[in-house]
Amino acid sequence: WRRSVARRDVSMREVLPGPARDAPGGVLMLPLDRPRPIITEAIIAAIRRQGIRVVLPRGWERYDARLIGSWLVVADLFTSAHPTGWLQFRVRTRIARLPAAVWLAAATFLAIRFPISLAGSGGLALFEIARGLWRTGPYLRSRIRDRAGATAGTAEPMERTPMPAEPEAVAP
């Protein structure tokens, strides 16, 4: 009930460069029309507007943001300005270790007393994992695609371009 208060400082005017293109491995490519940190901030603001919790790094982490997909699923957002002129947007999803360990311990203790409860708690855990994977995967990519001015049906796979050859070292 406090979501509107939490999101009051999220800019609604920031537009992502588009159109977004799909690349292999679940990567989205956005045209790089301004510095990477500014586009990354706009992506994070768009993710927050979709209702996904975002935890910003403290400065020493390798990711640009950590996304909380559900109680059992977290994802790390990575961006890079490669190849030249494009911003790569990638999300790596994984199971949250501590909540999963707590759930497993609680389910084990409950199953000792009530064995039938294992089916219910297992079903709930599978639902939470599926919900988290969907929110940080296909749902998130489609929202970023829409925000970048392209729909999921019109985004074209990006062509692979060969990297230029390195200049050879000249012997003195």
Protein backbone atom coordinates (compact mmCIF):
# COMPACT_ATOMS: atom_id res chain seq x y z
CA TRP A 1 0.00 0.00 0.00
CA ARG A 2 3.05 2.29 0.05
CA ARG A 3 4.19 1.59 -3.50
CA SER A 4 3.18 5.03 -4.76
CA VAL A 5 5.26 6.65 -2.00
CA ALA A 6 8.23 4.40 -2.77
CA ARG A 7 8.10 5.22 -6.48
CA ARG A 8 7.43 8.96 -6.22
CA ASP A 9 11.03 9.85 -7.19
CA VAL A 10 11.11 7.53 -10.23
CA SER A 11 11.25 9.61 -13.38
CA MET A 12 8.42 8.89 -15.81
CA ARG A 13 9.93 10.91 -18.69
CA GLU A 14 13.12 8.98 -19.37
CA VAL A 15 12.84 7.25 -22.74
CA LEU A 16 14.97 4.27 -23.63
CA PRO A 17 16.67 4.31 -27.02
CA GLY A 18 15.10 1.95 -29.47
CA PRO A 19 14.17 -0.18 -31.13
CA ALA A 20 15.46 -3.02 -29.00
CA ARG A 21 16.85 -6.09 -30.74
CA ASP A 22 17.15 -9.63 -29.51
CA ALA A 23 20.56 -11.26 -29.42
CA PRO A 24 21.43 -14.88 -28.58
CA GLY A 25 21.28 -15.94 -24.93
CA GLY A 26 18.40 -13.72 -23.83
CA VAL A 27 20.37 -10.51 -24.41
CA LEU A 28 18.64 -7.31 -25.51
CA MET A 29 20.56 -4.79 -27.56
CA LEU A 30 19.67 -1.09 -27.38
CA PRO A 31 21.19 1.65 -29.52
CA LEU A 32 23.78 3.61 -27.55
CA ASP A 33 22.74 7.23 -28.05
CA ARG A 34 24.04 8.57 -24.71
CA PRO A 35 26.50 7.38 -22.05
CA ARG A 36 25.93 3.85 -20.71
CA PRO A 37 25.35 4.90 -17.05
CA ILE A 38 22.50 7.21 -18.08
CA ILE A 39 20.77 4.50 -20.12
CA THR A 40 21.32 2.01 -17.28
CA GLU A 41 19.60 4.39 -14.84
CA ALA A 42 16.68 4.71 -17.26
CA ILE A 43 16.45 0.89 -17.51
CA ILE A 44 16.45 0.57 -13.71
CA ALA A 45 13.73 3.23 -13.44
CA ALA A 46 11.63 1.34 -16.01
CA ILE A 47 12.11 -1.89 -14.05
CA ARG A 48 11.00 -0.21 -10.83
CA ARG A 49 7.88 1.11 -12.55
CA GLN A 50 6.99 -2.50 -13.41
CA GLY A 51 6.88 -3.34 -9.69
CA ILE A 52 10.10 -5.35 -9.50
CA ARG A 53 12.23 -4.55 -6.45
CA VAL A 54 15.68 -3.24 -7.33
CA VAL A 55 18.70 -3.18 -5.03
CA LEU A 56 21.50 -0.93 -6.25
CA PRO A 57 25.13 -2.00 -5.83
CA ARG A 58 27.40 -0.34 -3.29
CA GLY A 59 30.16 0.15 -5.84
CA TRP A 60 32.24 -3.01 -5.63
CA GLU A 61 29.84 -5.50 -7.17
CA ARG A 62 30.13 -6.64 -10.78
CA TYR A 63 26.42 -6.11 -11.56
CA ASP A 64 24.57 -2.88 -12.28
CA ALA A 65 21.54 -3.79 -10.13
CA ARG A 66 20.08 -6.77 -8.28
CA LEU A 67 16.45 -7.57 -9.03
CA ILE A 68 14.18 -9.39 -6.58
CA GLY A 69 11.92 -11.51 -8.80
CA SER A 70 10.16 -13.37 -6.00
CA TRP A 71 10.81 -14.73 -2.53
CA LEU A 72 13.10 -17.45 -3.92
CA VAL A 73 14.54 -15.85 -7.08
CA VAL A 74 17.01 -12.99 -7.50
CA ALA A 75 18.65 -11.74 -10.67
CA ASP A 76 21.66 -9.60 -11.48
CA LEU A 77 21.38 -6.96 -14.20
CA PHE A 78 24.46 -6.44 -16.38
CA THR A 79 24.95 -3.82 -19.08
CA SER A 80 27.89 -3.26 -21.37
CA ALA A 81 28.66 -0.94 -24.26
CA HIS A 82 29.83 -3.62 -26.66
CA PRO A 83 29.78 -3.88 -29.66
CA THR A 84 30.41 -0.23 -30.43
CA GLY A 85 27.19 1.73 -30.74
CA TRP A 86 25.07 -0.79 -28.81
CA LEU A 87 24.19 -1.38 -25.17
CA GLN A 88 23.88 -5.01 -24.12
CA PHE A 89 21.24 -5.69 -21.48
CA ARG A 90 21.52 -9.10 -19.77
CA VAL A 91 19.84 -10.56 -16.68
CA ARG A 92 21.32 -13.58 -14.88
CA THR A 93 18.80 -15.31 -12.64
CA ARG A 94 19.48 -17.61 -9.70
CA ILE A 95 17.88 -19.07 -6.60
CA ALA A 96 18.25 -16.95 -3.45
CA ARG A 97 20.30 -19.09 -1.08
CA LEU A 98 19.17 -17.89 2.35
CA PRO A 99 15.39 -17.86 1.67
CA ALA A 100 15.69 -21.26 -0.04
CA ALA A 101 17.55 -22.69 2.97
CA VAL A 102 14.94 -21.25 5.37
CA TRP A 103 12.12 -22.70 3.26
CA LEU A 104 13.83 -26.10 3.09
CA ALA A 105 14.37 -26.20 6.88
CA ALA A 106 10.77 -25.15 7.59
CA ALA A 107 9.38 -27.65 5.07
CA THR A 108 11.50 -30.44 6.57
CA PHE A 109 10.39 -29.74 10.14
CA LEU A 110 6.75 -29.43 9.03
CA ALA A 111 6.96 -32.63 6.96
CA ILE A 112 8.22 -34.60 9.96
CA ARG A 113 5.00 -33.80 11.82
CA PHE A 114 2.61 -33.56 8.83
CA PRO A 115 3.94 -35.45 5.77
CA ILE A 116 1.11 -34.21 3.54
CA SER A 117 2.30 -30.62 4.07
CA LEU A 118 5.35 -31.34 1.93
CA ALA A 119 3.18 -31.37 -1.20
CA GLY A 120 1.70 -27.96 -0.38
CA SER A 121 4.97 -26.32 0.56
CA GLY A 122 6.70 -27.88 -2.47
CA GLY A 123 3.96 -26.58 -4.76
CA LEU A 124 4.25 -23.13 -3.24
CA ALA A 125 8.02 -23.14 -3.70
CA LEU A 126 7.69 -24.22 -7.35
CA PHE A 127 5.14 -21.45 -7.92
CA GLU A 128 7.46 -18.84 -6.38
CA ILE A 129 10.40 -20.05 -8.48
CA ALA A 130 8.33 -19.99 -11.68
CA ARG A 131 6.96 -16.52 -10.86
CA GLY A 132 10.45 -15.16 -10.17
CA LEU A 133 11.91 -16.68 -13.35
CA TRP A 134 9.07 -15.23 -15.45
CA ARG A 135 9.29 -11.75 -13.87
CA THR A 136 13.06 -11.49 -14.35
CA GLY A 137 13.07 -13.20 -17.75
CA PRO A 138 10.42 -12.96 -20.48
CA TYR A 139 8.23 -10.40 -18.69
CA LEU A 140 11.13 -8.03 -18.00
CA ARG A 141 12.53 -8.28 -21.55
CA SER A 142 9.11 -7.59 -23.07
CA ARG A 143 8.60 -4.52 -20.83
CA ILE A 144 12.04 -3.13 -21.76
CA ARG A 145 11.32 -3.86 -25.45
CA ASP A 146 8.01 -1.98 -25.20
CA ARG A 147 9.63 0.91 -23.35
CA ALA A 148 12.35 1.11 -26.02
CA GLY A 149 9.74 1.63 -28.72
CA ALA A 150 9.59 -1.89 -30.17
CA THR A 151 7.08 -4.63 -29.46
CA ALA A 152 8.03 -8.24 -28.95
CA GLY A 153 6.69 -9.16 -32.39
CA THR A 154 8.71 -6.57 -34.32
CA ALA A 155 12.05 -6.94 -32.59
CA GLU A 156 14.45 -8.55 -35.02
CA PRO A 157 17.37 -10.74 -34.05
CA MET A 158 20.62 -8.82 -34.21
CA GLU A 159 23.00 -9.81 -36.94
CA ARG A 160 26.41 -11.01 -35.84
CA THR A 161 29.11 -8.78 -37.22
CA PRO A 162 32.70 -10.00 -37.32
CA MET A 163 35.11 -8.16 -35.09
CA PRO A 164 37.79 -6.15 -36.90
CA ALA A 165 41.20 -7.78 -37.04
CA GLU A 166 43.80 -6.55 -34.60
CA PRO A 167 46.70 -4.69 -36.18
CA GLU A 168 49.81 -6.80 -36.25
CA ALA A 169 52.76 -5.76 -34.19
CA VAL A 170 55.67 -4.54 -36.29
CA ALA A 171 59.05 -5.98 -35.39
CA PRO A 172 61.74 -3.29 -34.85
